[in-house]
Amino acid sequence: MSRPPILNPQLVPVTGVDAHLPAVDASALTPQALRQRFAMPPTWQAELPGDGGIFASRTPASAAVLLPLVMHEQGLTLLLTRRTAHLREHAGQISFPGGRVEPEDGSAVATALRETEEEIGLAREHIEIIGELPIYTTVTAFQVTPVVALVRPGFELTLDAFEVAEAFEVPLQFLMTPAHHQRHLFSFEGGQRQFLSMPWRGPDSTGQTHDYFIWGATAAMLRNLYRLLIA
């Protein structure tokens, strides 16, 4: 069984916006509040465990990504990357730094830290790991562990030009407000596929304003973070 890739997700019809759901209160989006939430999580369940199951014949592979929350005085932002356009998979998409677990890593945290350093040059001394979200399974059979971290400002990034076109930041409050979460329905012969998006218009690393279409697995893992923080 197979399904066609979504080549231009911005053109997939929006079937709804989740403005009826409450936003996470600003008091829950401070470094200390996040440390406490991950140290003593409530009873909750991930809303979107994955989009896998299509390529069931593939051997599952482990991966990890880092959700780097930068601690600015005016509030937390999430550091994201845009992948380069020539890549074989997920070209041009917005993503977290991360990748496949290597045998020498030893843990998902080690993978996330290594991949982040390799992809964007974010040094480990700026990073404080505070917890993990449930594993997210992709259609390509990757079992991805999202590792959540607080990042101390003052870092300098060095992007891997082959994999990463740019890095930019989005206010966490924006992403944790479901009024900014769009639902899409992609129909094709033999089936349908639903996904979330969180379109963001904001500055890049040079201060120029751009439109960023956050969708797919990245948006799904952020939605799971929302569910944890609102529980």
C-alpha atoms as a PDB file:
ATOM      1  CA  MET A   1       0.000   0.000   0.000  1.00  0.00           C
ATOM      2  CA  SER A   2       1.289   3.470  -0.847  1.00  0.00           C
ATOM      3  CA  ARG A   3       0.136   7.038  -1.073  1.00  0.00           C
ATOM      4  CA  PRO A   4       1.387  10.022  -3.055  1.00  0.00           C
ATOM      5  CA  PRO A   5       3.596  12.561  -1.285  1.00  0.00           C
ATOM      6  CA  ILE A   6       2.189  15.980  -0.472  1.00  0.00           C
ATOM      7  CA  LEU A   7       4.396  18.138  -2.669  1.00  0.00           C
ATOM      8  CA  ASN A   8       2.770  21.498  -1.913  1.00  0.00           C
ATOM      9  CA  PRO A   9       1.024  21.383   1.466  1.00  0.00           C
ATOM     10  CA  GLN A  10       0.066  25.064   1.310  1.00  0.00           C
ATOM     11  CA  LEU A  11      -2.369  24.215  -1.481  1.00  0.00           C
ATOM     12  CA  VAL A  12      -4.140  21.446   0.451  1.00  0.00           C
ATOM     13  CA  PRO A  13      -7.576  22.727   1.560  1.00  0.00           C
ATOM     14  CA  VAL A  14      -8.006  23.938   5.131  1.00  0.00           C
ATOM     15  CA  THR A  15     -10.948  22.136   6.742  1.00  0.00           C
ATOM     16  CA  GLY A  16     -10.870  23.915  10.075  1.00  0.00           C
ATOM     17  CA  VAL A  17      -9.031  26.102  12.566  1.00  0.00           C
ATOM     18  CA  ASP A  18      -8.868  25.134  16.243  1.00  0.00           C
ATOM     19  CA  ALA A  19      -9.762  28.553  17.654  1.00  0.00           C
ATOM     20  CA  HIS A  20     -12.255  26.869  20.000  1.00  0.00           C
ATOM     21  CA  LEU A  21      -9.398  25.371  22.030  1.00  0.00           C
ATOM     22  CA  PRO A  22      -7.774  27.441  24.797  1.00  0.00           C
ATOM     23  CA  ALA A  23      -4.279  28.825  24.441  1.00  0.00           C
ATOM     24  CA  VAL A  24      -1.629  27.816  26.954  1.00  0.00           C
ATOM     25  CA  ASP A  25      -1.453  30.568  29.565  1.00  0.00           C
ATOM     26  CA  ALA A  26       1.669  32.712  29.468  1.00  0.00           C
ATOM     27  CA  SER A  27       2.426  31.724  33.067  1.00  0.00           C
ATOM     28  CA  ALA A  28       2.937  28.122  31.884  1.00  0.00           C
ATOM     29  CA  LEU A  29       5.435  29.195  29.224  1.00  0.00           C
ATOM     30  CA  THR A  30       8.260  30.328  31.451  1.00  0.00           C
ATOM     31  CA  PRO A  31      11.481  28.356  31.908  1.00  0.00           C
ATOM     32  CA  GLN A  32      10.645  27.453  35.501  1.00  0.00           C
ATOM     33  CA  ALA A  33       7.077  26.413  34.681  1.00  0.00           C
ATOM     34  CA  LEU A  34       8.329  24.157  31.885  1.00  0.00           C
ATOM     35  CA  ARG A  35      10.959  22.606  34.125  1.00  0.00           C
ATOM     36  CA  GLN A  36       8.265  21.792  36.677  1.00  0.00           C
ATOM     37  CA  ARG A  37       5.821  20.430  34.090  1.00  0.00           C
ATOM     38  CA  PHE A  38       8.362  17.971  32.697  1.00  0.00           C
ATOM     39  CA  ALA A  39       9.634  17.038  36.162  1.00  0.00           C
ATOM     40  CA  MET A  40       6.108  16.298  37.408  1.00  0.00           C
ATOM     41  CA  PRO A  41       3.899  15.740  34.343  1.00  0.00           C
ATOM     42  CA  PRO A  42       0.137  15.349  34.776  1.00  0.00           C
ATOM     43  CA  THR A  43      -1.837  12.457  33.361  1.00  0.00           C
ATOM     44  CA  TRP A  44      -2.111  13.185  29.654  1.00  0.00           C
ATOM     45  CA  GLN A  45      -2.051  11.546  26.247  1.00  0.00           C
ATOM     46  CA  ALA A  46      -0.415  12.563  22.994  1.00  0.00           C
ATOM     47  CA  GLU A  47      -3.024  13.618  20.471  1.00  0.00           C
ATOM     48  CA  LEU A  48      -0.981  12.683  17.406  1.00  0.00           C
ATOM     49  CA  PRO A  49       1.182   9.574  17.912  1.00  0.00           C
ATOM     50  CA  GLY A  50       2.309   9.514  14.292  1.00  0.00           C
ATOM     51  CA  ASP A  51       1.459   9.180  10.639  1.00  0.00           C
ATOM     52  CA  GLY A  52       3.098   5.790  10.164  1.00  0.00           C
ATOM     53  CA  GLY A  53       1.770   2.468   8.974  1.00  0.00           C
ATOM     54  CA  ILE A  54       1.897   2.969   5.235  1.00  0.00           C
ATOM     55  CA  PHE A  55       5.310   1.379   4.713  1.00  0.00           C
ATOM     56  CA  ALA A  56       4.765  -1.394   7.232  1.00  0.00           C
ATOM     57  CA  SER A  57       7.379  -3.564   5.529  1.00  0.00           C
ATOM     58  CA  ARG A  58      10.152  -1.174   6.472  1.00  0.00           C
ATOM     59  CA  THR A  59      12.235  -1.933   9.526  1.00  0.00           C
ATOM     60  CA  PRO A  60      11.586   0.777  12.121  1.00  0.00           C
ATOM     61  CA  ALA A  61      14.533   3.076  12.793  1.00  0.00           C
ATOM     62  CA  SER A  62      15.073   5.293  15.827  1.00  0.00           C
ATOM     63  CA  ALA A  63      15.639   9.026  15.547  1.00  0.00           C
ATOM     64  CA  ALA A  64      15.602  12.048  17.827  1.00  0.00           C
ATOM     65  CA  VAL A  65      15.019  15.765  17.396  1.00  0.00           C
ATOM     66  CA  LEU A  66      15.638  18.734  19.655  1.00  0.00           C
ATOM     67  CA  LEU A  67      12.954  21.308  20.478  1.00  0.00           C
ATOM     68  CA  PRO A  68      15.257  24.214  21.444  1.00  0.00           C
ATOM     69  CA  LEU A  69      13.377  26.866  23.468  1.00  0.00           C
ATOM     70  CA  VAL A  70      15.435  30.040  23.588  1.00  0.00           C
ATOM     71  CA  MET A  71      15.106  31.980  26.858  1.00  0.00           C
ATOM     72  CA  HIS A  72      14.750  35.586  25.748  1.00  0.00           C
ATOM     73  CA  GLU A  73      13.739  38.221  28.295  1.00  0.00           C
ATOM     74  CA  GLN A  74      10.553  38.937  26.347  1.00  0.00           C
ATOM     75  CA  GLY A  75       9.574  35.266  26.294  1.00  0.00           C
ATOM     76  CA  LEU A  76      10.520  31.847  24.968  1.00  0.00           C
ATOM     77  CA  THR A  77      10.980  31.224  21.273  1.00  0.00           C
ATOM     78  CA  LEU A  78      11.373  27.946  19.400  1.00  0.00           C
ATOM     79  CA  LEU A  79      14.426  27.623  17.183  1.00  0.00           C
ATOM     80  CA  LEU A  80      13.509  25.895  13.911  1.00  0.00           C
ATOM     81  CA  THR A  81      15.308  25.108  10.668  1.00  0.00           C
ATOM     82  CA  ARG A  82      14.367  25.147   7.015  1.00  0.00           C
ATOM     83  CA  ARG A  83      15.871  22.275   5.092  1.00  0.00           C
ATOM     84  CA  THR A  84      17.681  22.891   1.821  1.00  0.00           C
ATOM     85  CA  ALA A  85      15.740  22.466  -1.414  1.00  0.00           C
ATOM     86  CA  HIS A  86      17.968  19.764  -2.938  1.00  0.00           C
ATOM     87  CA  LEU A  87      17.577  17.125  -0.246  1.00  0.00           C
ATOM     88  CA  ARG A  88      16.106  13.782  -1.228  1.00  0.00           C
ATOM     89  CA  GLU A  89      13.579  13.766   1.627  1.00  0.00           C
ATOM     90  CA  HIS A  90      11.597  16.668   3.142  1.00  0.00           C
ATOM     91  CA  ALA A  91      13.310  19.247   0.950  1.00  0.00           C
ATOM     92  CA  GLY A  92      12.533  22.814   1.959  1.00  0.00           C
ATOM     93  CA  GLN A  93      10.432  21.791   4.946  1.00  0.00           C
ATOM     94  CA  ILE A  94      10.465  23.351   8.388  1.00  0.00           C
ATOM     95  CA  SER A  95      11.912  20.960  10.933  1.00  0.00           C
ATOM     96  CA  PHE A  96      13.641  20.526  14.263  1.00  0.00           C
ATOM     97  CA  PRO A  97      17.354  19.779  14.267  1.00  0.00           C
ATOM     98  CA  GLY A  98      17.833  16.057  14.626  1.00  0.00           C
ATOM     99  CA  GLY A  99      18.277  12.762  12.851  1.00  0.00           C
ATOM    100  CA  ARG A 100      18.871   9.033  13.057  1.00  0.00           C
ATOM    101  CA  VAL A 101      20.165   7.450  16.258  1.00  0.00           C
ATOM    102  CA  GLU A 102      23.697   6.114  15.818  1.00  0.00           C
ATOM    103  CA  PRO A 103      24.985   3.135  17.847  1.00  0.00           C
ATOM    104  CA  GLU A 104      27.560   5.281  19.638  1.00  0.00           C
ATOM    105  CA  ASP A 105      24.985   7.810  20.826  1.00  0.00           C
ATOM    106  CA  GLY A 106      23.626   5.747  23.685  1.00  0.00           C
ATOM    107  CA  SER A 107      20.395   7.718  24.101  1.00  0.00           C
ATOM    108  CA  ALA A 108      17.863   9.910  22.310  1.00  0.00           C
ATOM    109  CA  VAL A 109      19.205  12.923  24.195  1.00  0.00           C
ATOM    110  CA  ALA A 110      22.733  12.226  22.946  1.00  0.00           C
ATOM    111  CA  THR A 111      21.421  11.912  19.379  1.00  0.00           C
ATOM    112  CA  ALA A 112      19.496  15.170  19.591  1.00  0.00           C
ATOM    113  CA  LEU A 113      22.490  17.036  20.974  1.00  0.00           C
ATOM    114  CA  ARG A 114      24.901  15.590  18.413  1.00  0.00           C
ATOM    115  CA  GLU A 115      22.613  16.247  15.452  1.00  0.00           C
ATOM    116  CA  THR A 116      21.873  19.785  16.639  1.00  0.00           C
ATOM    117  CA  GLU A 117      25.560  20.554  16.900  1.00  0.00           C
ATOM    118  CA  GLU A 118      26.231  19.060  13.474  1.00  0.00           C
ATOM    119  CA  GLU A 119      23.294  20.739  11.717  1.00  0.00           C
ATOM    120  CA  ILE A 120      23.262  24.232  13.200  1.00  0.00           C
ATOM    121  CA  GLY A 121      26.360  24.486  15.398  1.00  0.00           C
ATOM    122  CA  LEU A 122      24.457  25.094  18.631  1.00  0.00           C
ATOM    123  CA  ALA A 123      26.975  24.327  21.363  1.00  0.00           C
ATOM    124  CA  ARG A 124      25.925  21.993  24.162  1.00  0.00           C
ATOM    125  CA  GLU A 125      26.949  24.387  26.920  1.00  0.00           C
ATOM    126  CA  HIS A 126      23.987  26.577  25.955  1.00  0.00           C
ATOM    127  CA  ILE A 127      21.485  23.702  26.216  1.00  0.00           C
ATOM    128  CA  GLU A 128      19.556  22.470  29.255  1.00  0.00           C
ATOM    129  CA  ILE A 129      17.561  19.288  28.638  1.00  0.00           C
ATOM    130  CA  ILE A 130      14.264  19.358  30.542  1.00  0.00           C
ATOM    131  CA  GLY A 131      12.402  16.332  29.179  1.00  0.00           C
ATOM    132  CA  GLU A 132      11.027  14.287  26.320  1.00  0.00           C
ATOM    133  CA  LEU A 133       7.703  13.950  24.513  1.00  0.00           C
ATOM    134  CA  PRO A 134       6.201  10.609  23.433  1.00  0.00           C
ATOM    135  CA  ILE A 135       7.731   8.918  20.406  1.00  0.00           C
ATOM    136  CA  TYR A 136       6.262  10.058  17.093  1.00  0.00           C
ATOM    137  CA  THR A 137       6.212   7.497  14.263  1.00  0.00           C
ATOM    138  CA  THR A 138       6.590   8.834  10.731  1.00  0.00           C
ATOM    139  CA  VAL A 139       5.240   7.329   7.521  1.00  0.00           C
ATOM    140  CA  THR A 140       8.809   6.310   6.642  1.00  0.00           C
ATOM    141  CA  ALA A 141       8.942   4.151   9.820  1.00  0.00           C
ATOM    142  CA  PHE A 142      11.162   6.459  11.871  1.00  0.00           C
ATOM    143  CA  GLN A 143      10.359   6.404  15.575  1.00  0.00           C
ATOM    144  CA  VAL A 144      11.259   9.937  16.612  1.00  0.00           C
ATOM    145  CA  THR A 145      11.853  11.004  20.201  1.00  0.00           C
ATOM    146  CA  PRO A 146      11.302  14.755  20.651  1.00  0.00           C
ATOM    147  CA  VAL A 147      13.754  16.089  23.253  1.00  0.00           C
ATOM    148  CA  VAL A 148      12.764  19.405  24.824  1.00  0.00           C
ATOM    149  CA  ALA A 149      15.455  21.829  25.936  1.00  0.00           C
ATOM    150  CA  LEU A 150      15.922  25.352  27.226  1.00  0.00           C
ATOM    151  CA  VAL A 151      18.615  27.327  25.437  1.00  0.00           C
ATOM    152  CA  ARG A 152      20.615  30.163  26.962  1.00  0.00           C
ATOM    153  CA  PRO A 153      20.948  33.141  24.577  1.00  0.00           C
ATOM    154  CA  GLY A 154      24.351  34.338  23.419  1.00  0.00           C
ATOM    155  CA  PHE A 155      25.042  31.386  21.128  1.00  0.00           C
ATOM    156  CA  GLU A 156      26.324  31.600  17.582  1.00  0.00           C
ATOM    157  CA  LEU A 157      25.046  29.226  14.907  1.00  0.00           C
ATOM    158  CA  THR A 158      27.044  27.610  12.114  1.00  0.00           C
ATOM    159  CA  LEU A 159      24.671  25.977   9.659  1.00  0.00           C
ATOM    160  CA  ASP A 160      25.484  22.822   7.711  1.00  0.00           C
ATOM    161  CA  ALA A 161      24.989  24.331   4.263  1.00  0.00           C
ATOM    162  CA  PHE A 162      24.170  20.963   2.717  1.00  0.00           C
ATOM    163  CA  GLU A 163      21.219  20.234   5.004  1.00  0.00           C
ATOM    164  CA  VAL A 164      20.065  23.544   6.467  1.00  0.00           C
ATOM    165  CA  ALA A 165      19.049  26.592   4.434  1.00  0.00           C
ATOM    166  CA  GLU A 166      18.305  28.786   7.450  1.00  0.00           C
ATOM    167  CA  ALA A 167      17.454  28.848  11.139  1.00  0.00           C
ATOM    168  CA  PHE A 168      14.789  31.121  12.597  1.00  0.00           C
ATOM    169  CA  GLU A 169      12.774  31.584  15.790  1.00  0.00           C
ATOM    170  CA  VAL A 170       9.025  31.560  16.452  1.00  0.00           C
ATOM    171  CA  PRO A 171       7.416  32.757  19.712  1.00  0.00           C
ATOM    172  CA  LEU A 172       6.343  29.727  21.745  1.00  0.00           C
ATOM    173  CA  GLN A 173       3.138  31.544  22.723  1.00  0.00           C
ATOM    174  CA  PHE A 174       2.138  31.694  19.036  1.00  0.00           C
ATOM    175  CA  LEU A 175       2.665  27.966  18.595  1.00  0.00           C
ATOM    176  CA  MET A 176       0.811  27.094  21.808  1.00  0.00           C
ATOM    177  CA  THR A 177      -2.299  29.009  20.661  1.00  0.00           C
ATOM    178  CA  PRO A 178      -4.636  26.638  18.744  1.00  0.00           C
ATOM    179  CA  ALA A 179      -6.253  29.562  16.937  1.00  0.00           C
ATOM    180  CA  HIS A 180      -3.082  29.351  14.823  1.00  0.00           C
ATOM    181  CA  HIS A 181      -3.486  25.598  14.188  1.00  0.00           C
ATOM    182  CA  GLN A 182      -5.044  24.745  10.833  1.00  0.00           C
ATOM    183  CA  ARG A 183      -6.436  21.353   9.844  1.00  0.00           C
ATOM    184  CA  HIS A 184      -5.931  20.133   6.272  1.00  0.00           C
ATOM    185  CA  LEU A 185      -7.405  17.202   4.361  1.00  0.00           C
ATOM    186  CA  PHE A 186      -5.480  15.736   1.442  1.00  0.00           C
ATOM    187  CA  SER A 187      -7.553  13.406  -0.754  1.00  0.00           C
ATOM    188  CA  PHE A 188      -6.102  10.966  -3.255  1.00  0.00           C
ATOM    189  CA  GLU A 189      -7.255   7.869  -5.060  1.00  0.00           C
ATOM    190  CA  GLY A 190      -7.888   5.264  -2.420  1.00  0.00           C
ATOM    191  CA  GLY A 191      -7.599   7.378   0.675  1.00  0.00           C
ATOM    192  CA  GLN A 192      -7.280  10.599   2.624  1.00  0.00           C
ATOM    193  CA  ARG A 193      -4.629  12.130   4.818  1.00  0.00           C
ATOM    194  CA  GLN A 194      -5.090  14.772   7.475  1.00  0.00           C
ATOM    195  CA  PHE A 195      -2.398  17.034   8.852  1.00  0.00           C
ATOM    196  CA  LEU A 196      -1.934  20.181  10.915  1.00  0.00           C
ATOM    197  CA  SER A 197      -0.179  23.381   9.973  1.00  0.00           C
ATOM    198  CA  MET A 198       0.920  26.444  11.929  1.00  0.00           C
ATOM    199  CA  PRO A 199       1.749  29.154   9.352  1.00  0.00           C
ATOM    200  CA  TRP A 200       4.052  31.826  10.724  1.00  0.00           C
ATOM    201  CA  ARG A 201       5.040  35.160   9.235  1.00  0.00           C
ATOM    202  CA  GLY A 202       8.057  36.649  10.920  1.00  0.00           C
ATOM    203  CA  PRO A 203      11.704  37.672  10.697  1.00  0.00           C
ATOM    204  CA  ASP A 204      14.533  35.448   9.578  1.00  0.00           C
ATOM    205  CA  SER A 205      18.013  35.583  11.084  1.00  0.00           C
ATOM    206  CA  THR A 206      18.757  38.781   9.129  1.00  0.00           C
ATOM    207  CA  GLY A 207      15.555  40.553  10.160  1.00  0.00           C
ATOM    208  CA  GLN A 208      13.799  40.122   6.829  1.00  0.00           C
ATOM    209  CA  THR A 209      10.140  39.052   7.055  1.00  0.00           C
ATOM    210  CA  HIS A 210       9.187  35.707   5.523  1.00  0.00           C
ATOM    211  CA  ASP A 211       6.288  33.266   5.466  1.00  0.00           C
ATOM    212  CA  TYR A 212       7.044  29.887   7.059  1.00  0.00           C
ATOM    213  CA  PHE A 213       4.704  26.923   6.663  1.00  0.00           C
ATOM    214  CA  ILE A 214       5.132  24.686   9.703  1.00  0.00           C
ATOM    215  CA  TRP A 215       3.302  21.419   9.050  1.00  0.00           C
ATOM    216  CA  GLY A 216       3.435  17.626   9.137  1.00  0.00           C
ATOM    217  CA  ALA A 217       5.487  15.889  11.815  1.00  0.00           C
ATOM    218  CA  THR A 218       6.885  19.177  13.119  1.00  0.00           C
ATOM    219  CA  ALA A 219       3.403  20.597  13.691  1.00  0.00           C
ATOM    220  CA  ALA A 220       2.180  17.294  15.129  1.00  0.00           C
ATOM    221  CA  MET A 221       4.934  17.163  17.745  1.00  0.00           C
ATOM    222  CA  LEU A 222       4.205  20.776  18.679  1.00  0.00           C
ATOM    223  CA  ARG A 223       0.545  19.856  19.061  1.00  0.00           C
ATOM    224  CA  ASN A 224       1.577  17.084  21.453  1.00  0.00           C
ATOM    225  CA  LEU A 225       3.600  19.639  23.425  1.00  0.00           C
ATOM    226  CA  TYR A 226       0.461  21.781  23.567  1.00  0.00           C
ATOM    227  CA  ARG A 227      -1.515  18.847  24.972  1.00  0.00           C
ATOM    228  CA  LEU A 228       1.052  18.293  27.707  1.00  0.00           C
ATOM    229  CA  LEU A 229       1.116  21.963  28.701  1.00  0.00           C
ATOM    230  CA  ILE A 230      -2.674  22.393  28.671  1.00  0.00           C
ATOM    231  CA  ALA A 231      -3.393  19.162  30.605  1.00  0.00           C
END
